[in-house]
Amino acid sequence: MGSAIAYMIGRYLGRPIVLYFGKYIGITGPRLDSANARFQKYESAVVVIGKFIAGIRILIPYLAGINRMRPILFFPLNILAAVVWAGTFLIAGRYIGKLFVHVWPFLKGHIVLSILLCLLLIALFVAFRIWEHRHQKRAEGDFKSPPENK
């Protein structure tokens, strides 16, 4: 139902409403233009594959509506993607649950070590993201600097 409502918002209220509310989550005109270009090029694949990408999954119905994707094509593809997405995570959850039953006795006996390992992995991930962001900003700064006049 959420995708159907988002499709209708995109189709009938269009780009201005997405940009107005999207500014709160980082959707800008150029970003929306880029997303529209990709959507128009790979319309059906984006609807199906986009369901598996966090963040993108939310925007796909709006893009489909804005780009006037035929409802007879969008709704069956969206339902197919939702069923495959839900099925994938249900099956993965079942097998992860079975694996967890075998791993839990070890984790239970080493709970402090397990928590420290998780915290270390989270800290490494955050440090990497900060490093990546700084590296990107530094590269953009070098790229955008005007040439020196002598």
N, C-alpha and C. Protein backbone atom coordinates (compact mmCIF):
# COMPACT_ATOMS: atom_id res chain seq x y z
N MET A 1 0.83 -1.20 0.00
CA MET A 1 0.00 0.00 0.00
C MET A 1 0.86 1.25 0.00
N GLY A 2 1.97 1.20 0.76
CA GLY A 2 2.85 2.37 0.82
C GLY A 2 3.43 2.70 -0.54
N SER A 3 3.81 1.69 -1.30
CA SER A 3 4.35 1.93 -2.64
C SER A 3 3.28 2.47 -3.57
N ALA A 4 2.05 2.00 -3.43
CA ALA A 4 0.96 2.51 -4.26
C ALA A 4 0.70 3.98 -3.97
N ILE A 5 0.70 4.34 -2.71
CA ILE A 5 0.49 5.75 -2.34
C ILE A 5 1.65 6.61 -2.85
N ALA A 6 2.88 6.11 -2.67
CA ALA A 6 4.05 6.86 -3.14
C ALA A 6 4.02 7.01 -4.66
N TYR A 7 3.59 5.98 -5.38
CA TYR A 7 3.46 6.05 -6.83
C TYR A 7 2.46 7.15 -7.22
N MET A 8 1.32 7.16 -6.54
CA MET A 8 0.30 8.16 -6.84
C MET A 8 0.80 9.58 -6.52
N ILE A 9 1.52 9.73 -5.42
CA ILE A 9 2.09 11.04 -5.08
C ILE A 9 3.04 11.48 -6.19
N GLY A 10 3.92 10.58 -6.60
CA GLY A 10 4.85 10.91 -7.67
C GLY A 10 4.15 11.23 -8.97
N ARG A 11 3.12 10.49 -9.28
CA ARG A 11 2.41 10.66 -10.55
C ARG A 11 1.58 11.95 -10.59
N TYR A 12 0.86 12.23 -9.50
CA TYR A 12 -0.07 13.36 -9.54
C TYR A 12 0.48 14.65 -8.92
N LEU A 13 1.37 14.54 -7.96
CA LEU A 13 1.96 15.75 -7.36
C LEU A 13 3.35 16.01 -7.92
N GLY A 14 4.02 14.98 -8.34
CA GLY A 14 5.24 15.09 -9.10
C GLY A 14 6.48 15.58 -8.40
N ARG A 15 7.38 16.05 -9.22
CA ARG A 15 8.72 16.47 -8.82
C ARG A 15 8.72 17.54 -7.74
N PRO A 16 7.87 18.57 -7.81
CA PRO A 16 7.93 19.64 -6.79
C PRO A 16 7.71 19.13 -5.37
N ILE A 17 6.78 18.22 -5.19
CA ILE A 17 6.50 17.73 -3.83
C ILE A 17 7.63 16.85 -3.33
N VAL A 18 8.24 16.07 -4.23
CA VAL A 18 9.37 15.23 -3.83
C VAL A 18 10.56 16.11 -3.45
N LEU A 19 10.80 17.16 -4.21
CA LEU A 19 11.91 18.07 -3.87
C LEU A 19 11.61 18.84 -2.58
N TYR A 20 10.37 19.24 -2.38
CA TYR A 20 10.02 20.02 -1.19
C TYR A 20 10.27 19.21 0.09
N PHE A 21 9.76 17.98 0.13
CA PHE A 21 9.94 17.16 1.32
C PHE A 21 11.28 16.42 1.30
N GLY A 22 11.81 16.19 0.13
CA GLY A 22 13.07 15.48 0.00
C GLY A 22 14.26 16.25 0.53
N LYS A 23 14.14 17.57 0.59
CA LYS A 23 15.26 18.37 1.09
C LYS A 23 15.62 18.00 2.52
N TYR A 24 14.69 17.45 3.25
CA TYR A 24 14.96 17.05 4.64
C TYR A 24 15.78 15.77 4.73
N ILE A 25 15.83 15.01 3.65
CA ILE A 25 16.61 13.76 3.66
C ILE A 25 17.70 13.78 2.59
N GLY A 26 18.01 14.95 2.06
CA GLY A 26 19.14 15.08 1.15
C GLY A 26 18.82 14.92 -0.33
N ILE A 27 17.56 14.98 -0.70
CA ILE A 27 17.22 14.89 -2.11
C ILE A 27 17.27 16.30 -2.68
N THR A 28 18.16 16.51 -3.63
CA THR A 28 18.32 17.80 -4.29
C THR A 28 17.91 17.66 -5.75
N GLY A 29 17.77 18.77 -6.43
CA GLY A 29 17.42 18.74 -7.85
C GLY A 29 18.37 17.89 -8.67
N PRO A 30 19.69 18.13 -8.57
CA PRO A 30 20.63 17.32 -9.35
C PRO A 30 20.58 15.82 -9.00
N ARG A 31 20.41 15.51 -7.72
CA ARG A 31 20.31 14.10 -7.33
C ARG A 31 19.06 13.45 -7.91
N LEU A 32 17.96 14.19 -7.88
CA LEU A 32 16.71 13.66 -8.44
C LEU A 32 16.84 13.51 -9.95
N ASP A 33 17.52 14.45 -10.62
CA ASP A 33 17.74 14.33 -12.07
C ASP A 33 18.56 13.10 -12.40
N SER A 34 19.59 12.86 -11.61
CA SER A 34 20.44 11.68 -11.81
C SER A 34 19.63 10.40 -11.61
N ALA A 35 18.83 10.36 -10.55
CA ALA A 35 18.00 9.19 -10.28
C ALA A 35 16.99 8.98 -11.40
N ASN A 36 16.40 10.07 -11.90
CA ASN A 36 15.43 9.97 -13.01
C ASN A 36 16.08 9.42 -14.27
N ALA A 37 17.30 9.87 -14.56
CA ALA A 37 18.00 9.39 -15.76
C ALA A 37 18.25 7.88 -15.67
N ARG A 38 18.71 7.43 -14.52
CA ARG A 38 18.93 5.99 -14.34
C ARG A 38 17.61 5.23 -14.39
N PHE A 39 16.58 5.79 -13.78
CA PHE A 39 15.29 5.12 -13.77
C PHE A 39 14.77 4.95 -15.19
N GLN A 40 14.86 6.01 -15.98
CA GLN A 40 14.34 5.94 -17.35
C GLN A 40 15.10 4.93 -18.20
N LYS A 41 16.39 4.77 -17.91
CA LYS A 41 17.21 3.85 -18.70
C LYS A 41 16.92 2.39 -18.36
N TYR A 42 16.72 2.10 -17.06
CA TYR A 42 16.56 0.72 -16.59
C TYR A 42 15.26 0.52 -15.83
N GLU A 43 14.20 1.09 -16.28
CA GLU A 43 12.91 1.16 -15.59
C GLU A 43 12.51 -0.11 -14.84
N SER A 44 12.33 -1.21 -15.53
CA SER A 44 11.84 -2.44 -14.89
C SER A 44 12.85 -3.02 -13.91
N ALA A 45 14.12 -3.02 -14.30
CA ALA A 45 15.16 -3.56 -13.42
C ALA A 45 15.28 -2.75 -12.14
N VAL A 46 15.13 -1.43 -12.25
CA VAL A 46 15.24 -0.57 -11.06
C VAL A 46 14.12 -0.88 -10.08
N VAL A 47 12.92 -1.12 -10.58
CA VAL A 47 11.79 -1.42 -9.69
C VAL A 47 12.04 -2.72 -8.94
N VAL A 48 12.56 -3.74 -9.62
CA VAL A 48 12.77 -5.04 -8.98
C VAL A 48 14.02 -5.03 -8.10
N ILE A 49 15.15 -4.62 -8.64
CA ILE A 49 16.41 -4.66 -7.90
C ILE A 49 16.46 -3.60 -6.82
N GLY A 50 15.84 -2.46 -7.08
CA GLY A 50 15.84 -1.36 -6.10
C GLY A 50 15.18 -1.72 -4.78
N LYS A 51 14.32 -2.71 -4.78
CA LYS A 51 13.65 -3.16 -3.55
C LYS A 51 14.66 -3.71 -2.54
N PHE A 52 15.81 -4.17 -3.02
CA PHE A 52 16.82 -4.78 -2.15
C PHE A 52 17.86 -3.78 -1.65
N ILE A 53 17.74 -2.52 -2.05
CA ILE A 53 18.73 -1.51 -1.66
C ILE A 53 18.08 -0.52 -0.70
N ALA A 54 18.56 -0.53 0.54
CA ALA A 54 18.00 0.37 1.56
C ALA A 54 18.15 1.82 1.10
N GLY A 55 17.13 2.61 1.34
CA GLY A 55 17.15 4.00 0.93
C GLY A 55 16.59 4.17 -0.47
N ILE A 56 17.07 3.36 -1.38
CA ILE A 56 16.58 3.41 -2.76
C ILE A 56 15.17 2.84 -2.82
N ARG A 57 14.94 1.79 -2.04
CA ARG A 57 13.64 1.12 -2.02
C ARG A 57 12.50 2.12 -1.78
N ILE A 58 12.75 3.11 -0.97
CA ILE A 58 11.72 4.09 -0.62
C ILE A 58 11.44 5.04 -1.79
N LEU A 59 12.45 5.36 -2.58
CA LEU A 59 12.30 6.34 -3.64
C LEU A 59 11.73 5.79 -4.94
N ILE A 60 11.84 4.50 -5.16
CA ILE A 60 11.45 3.90 -6.43
C ILE A 60 9.99 4.21 -6.82
N PRO A 61 9.01 4.05 -5.94
CA PRO A 61 7.63 4.34 -6.36
C PRO A 61 7.43 5.81 -6.75
N TYR A 62 8.11 6.73 -6.04
CA TYR A 62 8.01 8.14 -6.41
C TYR A 62 8.57 8.37 -7.81
N LEU A 63 9.74 7.76 -8.07
CA LEU A 63 10.35 7.90 -9.40
C LEU A 63 9.47 7.29 -10.48
N ALA A 64 8.88 6.16 -10.17
CA ALA A 64 7.98 5.52 -11.14
C ALA A 64 6.80 6.44 -11.47
N GLY A 65 6.24 7.06 -10.44
CA GLY A 65 5.13 7.98 -10.67
C GLY A 65 5.55 9.23 -11.42
N ILE A 66 6.67 9.82 -11.02
CA ILE A 66 7.16 11.03 -11.69
C ILE A 66 7.44 10.76 -13.16
N ASN A 67 8.00 9.60 -13.46
CA ASN A 67 8.35 9.24 -14.83
C ASN A 67 7.20 8.62 -15.61
N ARG A 68 6.03 8.61 -15.00
CA ARG A 68 4.82 8.12 -15.65
C ARG A 68 4.95 6.67 -16.13
N MET A 69 5.61 5.86 -15.31
CA MET A 69 5.69 4.44 -15.63
C MET A 69 4.27 3.89 -15.65
N ARG A 70 3.97 3.08 -16.63
CA ARG A 70 2.61 2.55 -16.74
C ARG A 70 2.24 1.75 -15.50
N PRO A 71 1.10 2.02 -14.90
CA PRO A 71 0.68 1.28 -13.70
C PRO A 71 0.59 -0.23 -13.95
N ILE A 72 0.19 -0.62 -15.16
CA ILE A 72 0.06 -2.04 -15.48
C ILE A 72 1.42 -2.75 -15.45
N LEU A 73 2.50 -1.99 -15.57
CA LEU A 73 3.84 -2.54 -15.47
C LEU A 73 4.40 -2.37 -14.06
N PHE A 74 4.18 -1.19 -13.46
CA PHE A 74 4.77 -0.91 -12.15
C PHE A 74 4.21 -1.82 -11.06
N PHE A 75 2.91 -1.93 -10.95
CA PHE A 75 2.33 -2.66 -9.82
C PHE A 75 2.68 -4.15 -9.80
N PRO A 76 2.59 -4.87 -10.92
CA PRO A 76 3.03 -6.28 -10.87
C PRO A 76 4.52 -6.43 -10.55
N LEU A 77 5.36 -5.56 -11.12
CA LEU A 77 6.80 -5.64 -10.81
C LEU A 77 7.06 -5.32 -9.35
N ASN A 78 6.36 -4.34 -8.82
CA ASN A 78 6.54 -3.96 -7.43
C ASN A 78 6.09 -5.09 -6.49
N ILE A 79 4.97 -5.72 -6.82
CA ILE A 79 4.48 -6.84 -6.01
C ILE A 79 5.46 -8.02 -6.08
N LEU A 80 5.95 -8.32 -7.29
CA LEU A 80 6.93 -9.39 -7.46
C LEU A 80 8.18 -9.10 -6.62
N ALA A 81 8.68 -7.87 -6.70
CA ALA A 81 9.88 -7.49 -5.95
C ALA A 81 9.63 -7.59 -4.45
N ALA A 82 8.46 -7.17 -3.99
CA ALA A 82 8.14 -7.22 -2.56
C ALA A 82 8.07 -8.67 -2.07
N VAL A 83 7.47 -9.54 -2.87
CA VAL A 83 7.35 -10.95 -2.49
C VAL A 83 8.74 -11.60 -2.44
N VAL A 84 9.57 -11.33 -3.44
CA VAL A 84 10.92 -11.89 -3.46
C VAL A 84 11.74 -11.32 -2.30
N TRP A 85 11.62 -10.01 -2.05
CA TRP A 85 12.35 -9.36 -0.96
C TRP A 85 11.95 -9.98 0.38
N ALA A 86 10.65 -10.08 0.63
CA ALA A 86 10.17 -10.64 1.90
C ALA A 86 10.56 -12.11 2.03
N GLY A 87 10.41 -12.86 0.95
CA GLY A 87 10.79 -14.27 0.98
C GLY A 87 12.27 -14.47 1.26
N THR A 88 13.10 -13.65 0.65
CA THR A 88 14.54 -13.74 0.87
C THR A 88 14.88 -13.53 2.34
N PHE A 89 14.30 -12.52 2.93
CA PHE A 89 14.62 -12.24 4.33
C PHE A 89 13.98 -13.24 5.29
N LEU A 90 12.83 -13.79 4.95
CA LEU A 90 12.23 -14.83 5.78
C LEU A 90 13.09 -16.09 5.76
N ILE A 91 13.52 -16.48 4.57
CA ILE A 91 14.36 -17.67 4.46
C ILE A 91 15.71 -17.44 5.14
N ALA A 92 16.31 -16.28 4.90
CA ALA A 92 17.59 -15.97 5.56
C ALA A 92 17.42 -15.96 7.07
N GLY A 93 16.34 -15.40 7.57
CA GLY A 93 16.08 -15.37 9.00
C GLY A 93 15.93 -16.76 9.59
N ARG A 94 15.30 -17.63 8.85
CA ARG A 94 15.13 -19.00 9.33
C ARG A 94 16.48 -19.69 9.49
N TYR A 95 17.32 -19.57 8.49
CA TYR A 95 18.63 -20.24 8.55
C TYR A 95 19.58 -19.56 9.52
N ILE A 96 19.51 -18.25 9.61
CA ILE A 96 20.33 -17.54 10.59
C ILE A 96 19.88 -17.91 12.00
N GLY A 97 18.58 -18.08 12.19
CA GLY A 97 18.06 -18.50 13.48
C GLY A 97 18.58 -19.88 13.88
N LYS A 98 18.61 -20.80 12.91
CA LYS A 98 19.14 -22.14 13.19
C LYS A 98 20.63 -22.07 13.51
N LEU A 99 21.36 -21.24 12.79
CA LEU A 99 22.78 -21.08 13.05
C LEU A 99 23.01 -20.45 14.43
N PHE A 100 22.17 -19.50 14.78
CA PHE A 100 22.31 -18.82 16.07
C PHE A 100 22.17 -19.79 17.23
N VAL A 101 21.29 -20.77 17.09
CA VAL A 101 21.10 -21.79 18.14
C VAL A 101 22.41 -22.52 18.41
N HIS A 102 23.20 -22.74 17.37
CA HIS A 102 24.48 -23.43 17.54
C HIS A 102 25.56 -22.50 18.06
N VAL A 103 25.49 -21.23 17.73
CA VAL A 103 26.53 -20.27 18.12
C VAL A 103 26.27 -19.71 19.52
N TRP A 104 25.01 -19.66 19.93
CA TRP A 104 24.66 -19.03 21.21
C TRP A 104 25.40 -19.61 22.42
N PRO A 105 25.55 -20.92 22.54
CA PRO A 105 26.28 -21.43 23.71
C PRO A 105 27.70 -20.84 23.82
N PHE A 106 28.38 -20.68 22.69
CA PHE A 106 29.71 -20.08 22.72
C PHE A 106 29.62 -18.60 23.11
N LEU A 107 28.69 -17.89 22.48
CA LEU A 107 28.54 -16.46 22.78
C LEU A 107 28.16 -16.24 24.24
N LYS A 108 27.29 -17.09 24.74
CA LYS A 108 26.83 -16.97 26.12
C LYS A 108 28.01 -17.11 27.09
N GLY A 109 28.91 -18.02 26.78
CA GLY A 109 30.07 -18.22 27.63
C GLY A 109 31.13 -17.13 27.49
N HIS A 110 31.07 -16.38 26.39
CA HIS A 110 32.06 -15.34 26.12
C HIS A 110 31.36 -14.02 25.78
N ILE A 111 30.37 -13.67 26.57
CA ILE A 111 29.54 -12.51 26.26
C ILE A 111 30.34 -11.21 26.25
N VAL A 112 31.22 -11.03 27.20
CA VAL A 112 32.01 -9.79 27.25
C VAL A 112 32.89 -9.68 26.01
N LEU A 113 33.55 -10.78 25.66
CA LEU A 113 34.39 -10.80 24.46
C LEU A 113 33.56 -10.54 23.21
N SER A 114 32.37 -11.11 23.14
CA SER A 114 31.49 -10.91 21.99
C SER A 114 31.07 -9.46 21.86
N ILE A 115 30.72 -8.83 22.98
CA ILE A 115 30.32 -7.42 22.95
C ILE A 115 31.49 -6.55 22.54
N LEU A 116 32.67 -6.81 23.08
CA LEU A 116 33.86 -6.04 22.72
C LEU A 116 34.19 -6.19 21.23
N LEU A 117 34.05 -7.39 20.71
CA LEU A 117 34.30 -7.61 19.30
C LEU A 117 33.30 -6.83 18.44
N CYS A 118 32.04 -6.84 18.82
CA CYS A 118 31.02 -6.08 18.09
C CYS A 118 31.32 -4.58 18.14
N LEU A 119 31.67 -4.09 19.31
CA LEU A 119 32.00 -2.67 19.45
C LEU A 119 33.22 -2.30 18.62
N LEU A 120 34.22 -3.18 18.59
CA LEU A 120 35.41 -2.94 17.78
C LEU A 120 35.06 -2.87 16.30
N LEU A 121 34.22 -3.79 15.83
CA LEU A 121 33.81 -3.78 14.43
C LEU A 121 33.03 -2.51 14.08
N ILE A 122 32.16 -2.07 14.98
CA ILE A 122 31.40 -0.84 14.76
C ILE A 122 32.35 0.35 14.73
N ALA A 123 33.29 0.41 15.65
CA ALA A 123 34.26 1.51 15.70
C ALA A 123 35.10 1.54 14.42
N LEU A 124 35.54 0.38 13.95
CA LEU A 124 36.31 0.34 12.71
C LEU A 124 35.48 0.82 11.52
N PHE A 125 34.23 0.43 11.48
CA PHE A 125 33.34 0.87 10.40
C PHE A 125 33.17 2.38 10.42
N VAL A 126 32.91 2.94 11.60
CA VAL A 126 32.73 4.40 11.73
C VAL A 126 34.01 5.12 11.37
N ALA A 127 35.16 4.63 11.83
CA ALA A 127 36.44 5.26 11.51
C ALA A 127 36.70 5.23 10.01
N PHE A 128 36.37 4.12 9.38
CA PHE A 128 36.55 4.04 7.93
C PHE A 128 35.66 5.04 7.21
N ARG A 129 34.41 5.16 7.63
CA ARG A 129 33.49 6.11 6.99
C ARG A 129 33.97 7.55 7.17
N ILE A 130 34.49 7.88 8.35
CA ILE A 130 35.03 9.23 8.58
C ILE A 130 36.24 9.45 7.69
N TRP A 131 37.14 8.47 7.63
CA TRP A 131 38.32 8.59 6.78
C TRP A 131 37.91 8.76 5.32
N GLU A 132 36.94 7.96 4.87
CA GLU A 132 36.46 8.03 3.50
C GLU A 132 35.87 9.40 3.19
N HIS A 133 35.08 9.94 4.12
CA HIS A 133 34.46 11.26 3.93
C HIS A 133 35.52 12.35 3.84
N ARG A 134 36.52 12.32 4.73
CA ARG A 134 37.60 13.31 4.71
C ARG A 134 38.41 13.19 3.44
N HIS A 135 38.69 11.97 3.02
CA HIS A 135 39.46 11.75 1.80
C HIS A 135 38.69 12.30 0.59
N GLN A 136 37.40 12.09 0.57
CA GLN A 136 36.57 12.58 -0.53
C GLN A 136 36.53 14.10 -0.54
N LYS A 137 36.37 14.72 0.62
CA LYS A 137 36.34 16.18 0.72
C LYS A 137 37.68 16.77 0.28
N ARG A 138 38.78 16.12 0.69
CA ARG A 138 40.11 16.59 0.32
C ARG A 138 40.27 16.51 -1.20
N ALA A 139 39.81 15.43 -1.80
CA ALA A 139 39.91 15.27 -3.25
C ALA A 139 39.05 16.29 -3.98
N GLU A 140 37.87 16.57 -3.46
CA GLU A 140 37.01 17.59 -4.06
C GLU A 140 37.63 18.97 -3.94
N GLY A 141 38.26 19.24 -2.81
CA GLY A 141 38.91 20.53 -2.60
C GLY A 141 40.07 20.72 -3.56
N ASP A 142 40.86 19.67 -3.79
CA ASP A 142 41.97 19.75 -4.73
C ASP A 142 41.45 19.90 -6.16
N PHE A 143 40.36 19.22 -6.45
CA PHE A 143 39.80 19.26 -7.79
C PHE A 143 39.19 20.61 -8.12
N LYS A 144 38.55 21.24 -7.14
CA LYS A 144 37.81 22.48 -7.38
C LYS A 144 38.67 23.73 -7.24
N SER A 145 39.90 23.60 -6.78
CA SER A 145 40.71 24.80 -6.56
C SER A 145 41.07 25.43 -7.91
N PRO A 146 40.92 26.76 -7.99
CA PRO A 146 41.20 27.45 -9.25
C PRO A 146 42.70 27.47 -9.53
N PRO A 147 43.08 27.53 -10.79
CA PRO A 147 44.50 27.58 -11.13
C PRO A 147 45.11 28.91 -10.67
N GLU A 148 46.38 28.86 -10.35
CA GLU A 148 47.06 30.06 -9.87
C GLU A 148 47.40 30.95 -11.05
N ASN A 149 47.23 32.26 -10.85
CA ASN A 149 47.60 33.24 -11.88
C ASN A 149 48.97 33.80 -11.55
N LYS A 150 49.90 33.69 -12.48
CA LYS A 150 51.24 34.24 -12.28
C LYS A 150 51.59 35.22 -13.34
